């Protein structure tokens, strides 16, 4: 089942939903600011469940520590790139989180903001925090010194 879950996640990462070299998740409607509530929520649902999957991996007794670490690291760059973009790009000066995480920083005029975009942003940042805590619990430094 782990392989099936990884294949699903990997297919999203290899799709046109991650068109940038920075690895930031983008809805096709983000640049034209024409997304609807379902599209605003997709990113949040994706990151929330990615976090659940990583927690489940870290708790599997049949996996050895190095295997768990490798599986968690597999998604680390993607998760951190998105959390960074939420915080540095999609979050406006007023603290509101917009939908287009890959926009030009400071381009708030092109952002749609709603409860769904906030929830998605929080889910991405929370997923990064969750990942770091899981790696630390496995004895992996998350400050770059390892």
Protein backbone atom coordinates (compact mmCIF):
# COMPACT_ATOMS: atom_id res chain seq x y z
CA UNK A 1 0.00 0.00 0.00
CA UNK A 2 2.91 2.36 0.64
CA UNK A 3 3.94 1.99 -2.99
CA UNK A 4 0.43 2.83 -4.18
CA UNK A 5 0.31 5.95 -2.02
CA UNK A 6 3.74 7.05 -3.23
CA UNK A 7 2.70 6.50 -6.84
CA UNK A 8 -0.33 8.73 -6.31
CA UNK A 9 1.70 11.48 -4.64
CA UNK A 10 4.48 11.19 -7.22
CA UNK A 11 1.96 11.47 -10.07
CA UNK A 12 0.73 14.79 -8.65
CA UNK A 13 4.31 16.05 -8.28
CA UNK A 14 5.10 15.04 -11.87
CA UNK A 15 1.91 16.58 -13.29
CA UNK A 16 1.19 20.04 -14.61
CA UNK A 17 0.05 20.95 -11.07
CA UNK A 18 3.73 21.44 -10.23
CA UNK A 19 4.92 23.27 -13.35
CA UNK A 20 7.65 25.34 -11.79
CA UNK A 21 11.23 24.41 -11.11
CA UNK A 22 10.65 25.67 -7.58
CA UNK A 23 8.26 22.77 -6.97
CA UNK A 24 5.32 24.93 -5.91
CA UNK A 25 1.85 23.47 -6.36
CA UNK A 26 -0.19 25.54 -8.83
CA UNK A 27 -3.77 25.28 -10.00
CA UNK A 28 -4.16 26.15 -13.68
CA UNK A 29 -6.60 28.88 -12.62
CA UNK A 30 -4.16 30.55 -10.18
CA UNK A 31 -2.45 32.92 -12.68
CA UNK A 32 -5.77 34.11 -14.12
CA UNK A 33 -7.27 34.43 -10.62
CA UNK A 34 -10.34 32.47 -11.76
CA UNK A 35 -10.27 29.60 -9.23
CA UNK A 36 -13.35 28.45 -7.41
CA UNK A 37 -13.69 27.21 -3.83
CA UNK A 38 -12.93 23.59 -4.77
CA UNK A 39 -9.68 24.63 -6.41
CA UNK A 40 -8.75 26.83 -3.45
CA UNK A 41 -9.28 23.86 -1.13
CA UNK A 42 -7.39 21.27 -3.20
CA UNK A 43 -3.95 22.35 -2.06
CA UNK A 44 -4.98 22.24 1.59
CA UNK A 45 -6.59 18.83 1.31
CA UNK A 46 -3.50 17.55 -0.51
CA UNK A 47 -1.07 18.83 2.14
CA UNK A 48 -3.25 17.75 5.06
CA UNK A 49 -3.37 14.19 3.77
CA UNK A 50 0.29 14.19 2.75
CA UNK A 51 1.04 15.00 6.39
CA UNK A 52 -1.14 12.11 7.55
CA UNK A 53 0.67 9.78 5.15
CA UNK A 54 4.08 10.86 6.42
CA UNK A 55 2.98 10.37 10.04
CA UNK A 56 1.75 6.89 9.17
CA UNK A 57 5.08 6.08 7.49
CA UNK A 58 7.04 7.25 10.51
CA UNK A 59 4.99 5.05 12.82
CA UNK A 60 5.20 1.81 10.82
CA UNK A 61 7.05 -0.76 12.91
CA UNK A 62 7.91 -2.91 9.88
CA UNK A 63 10.02 -0.11 8.35
CA UNK A 64 13.58 0.46 9.56
CA UNK A 65 14.74 3.95 10.56
CA UNK A 66 16.81 4.63 7.42
CA UNK A 67 13.88 3.61 5.20
CA UNK A 68 11.54 5.93 7.11
CA UNK A 69 14.06 8.76 6.82
CA UNK A 70 14.44 8.22 3.07
CA UNK A 71 10.69 8.21 2.53
CA UNK A 72 10.24 11.39 4.55
CA UNK A 73 13.15 13.11 2.77
CA UNK A 74 11.65 12.18 -0.59
CA UNK A 75 8.97 14.85 -0.13
CA UNK A 76 10.89 17.30 2.04
CA UNK A 77 11.98 19.76 -0.67
CA UNK A 78 8.47 19.89 -2.14
CA UNK A 79 6.80 20.42 1.22
CA UNK A 80 9.26 23.09 2.35
CA UNK A 81 9.12 24.93 -0.99
CA UNK A 82 5.36 25.19 -0.72
CA UNK A 83 5.35 26.23 2.94
CA UNK A 84 7.96 28.90 2.14
CA UNK A 85 5.89 30.16 -0.79
CA UNK A 86 2.76 30.34 1.34
CA UNK A 87 4.58 32.40 3.95
CA UNK A 88 6.72 34.59 1.69
CA UNK A 89 4.65 34.88 -1.48
CA UNK A 90 0.97 34.18 -0.86
CA UNK A 91 0.72 35.87 2.55
CA UNK A 92 -0.01 39.55 2.23
CA UNK A 93 1.10 42.35 4.53
CA UNK A 94 -2.28 42.05 6.22
CA UNK A 95 -1.60 38.37 6.96
CA UNK A 96 -4.20 37.11 4.51
CA UNK A 97 -3.15 34.07 2.48
CA UNK A 98 -4.00 34.06 -1.20
CA UNK A 99 -4.43 31.20 -3.58
CA UNK A 100 -1.45 31.62 -5.92
CA UNK A 101 1.61 30.44 -4.04
CA UNK A 102 3.89 30.75 -7.08
CA UNK A 103 3.00 34.37 -7.85
CA UNK A 104 5.58 37.11 -7.92
CA UNK A 105 6.22 38.16 -4.31
CA UNK A 106 4.17 41.22 -3.45
CA UNK A 107 1.73 40.67 -6.32
CA UNK A 108 -1.31 40.67 -4.02
CA UNK A 109 -3.54 42.21 -6.70
CA UNK A 110 -3.59 38.85 -8.45
CA UNK A 111 -4.44 36.83 -5.34
CA UNK A 112 -7.85 35.49 -4.46
CA UNK A 113 -8.37 35.30 -0.69
CA UNK A 114 -10.95 33.24 1.17
CA UNK A 115 -11.34 30.95 4.13
CA UNK A 116 -10.37 28.11 1.78
CA UNK A 117 -7.12 29.79 0.70
CA UNK A 118 -6.25 30.41 4.34
CA UNK A 119 -6.97 26.78 5.21
CA UNK A 120 -4.83 25.56 2.34
CA UNK A 121 -1.95 27.78 3.34
CA UNK A 122 -2.15 26.69 6.96
CA UNK A 123 -2.23 23.04 5.85
CA UNK A 124 0.97 23.48 3.82
CA UNK A 125 2.83 25.21 6.65
CA UNK A 126 1.55 22.67 9.17
CA UNK A 127 2.67 19.83 6.91
CA UNK A 128 6.21 21.28 6.90
CA UNK A 129 6.21 21.56 10.69
CA UNK A 130 4.88 18.02 10.99
CA UNK A 131 7.57 16.72 8.62
CA UNK A 132 10.35 18.44 10.59
CA UNK A 133 9.06 16.98 13.86
CA UNK A 134 8.91 13.51 12.33
CA UNK A 135 12.47 13.80 11.03
CA UNK A 136 13.66 15.04 14.42
CA UNK A 137 11.94 12.08 16.11
CA UNK A 138 13.99 9.83 13.82
CA UNK A 139 17.19 11.59 14.84
CA UNK A 140 17.56 13.71 11.70
CA UNK A 141 18.60 17.33 12.07
CA UNK A 142 16.29 19.72 10.23
CA UNK A 143 18.52 22.77 10.62
CA UNK A 144 20.83 21.77 7.78
CA UNK A 145 23.65 20.52 10.02
CA UNK A 146 23.12 16.84 9.25
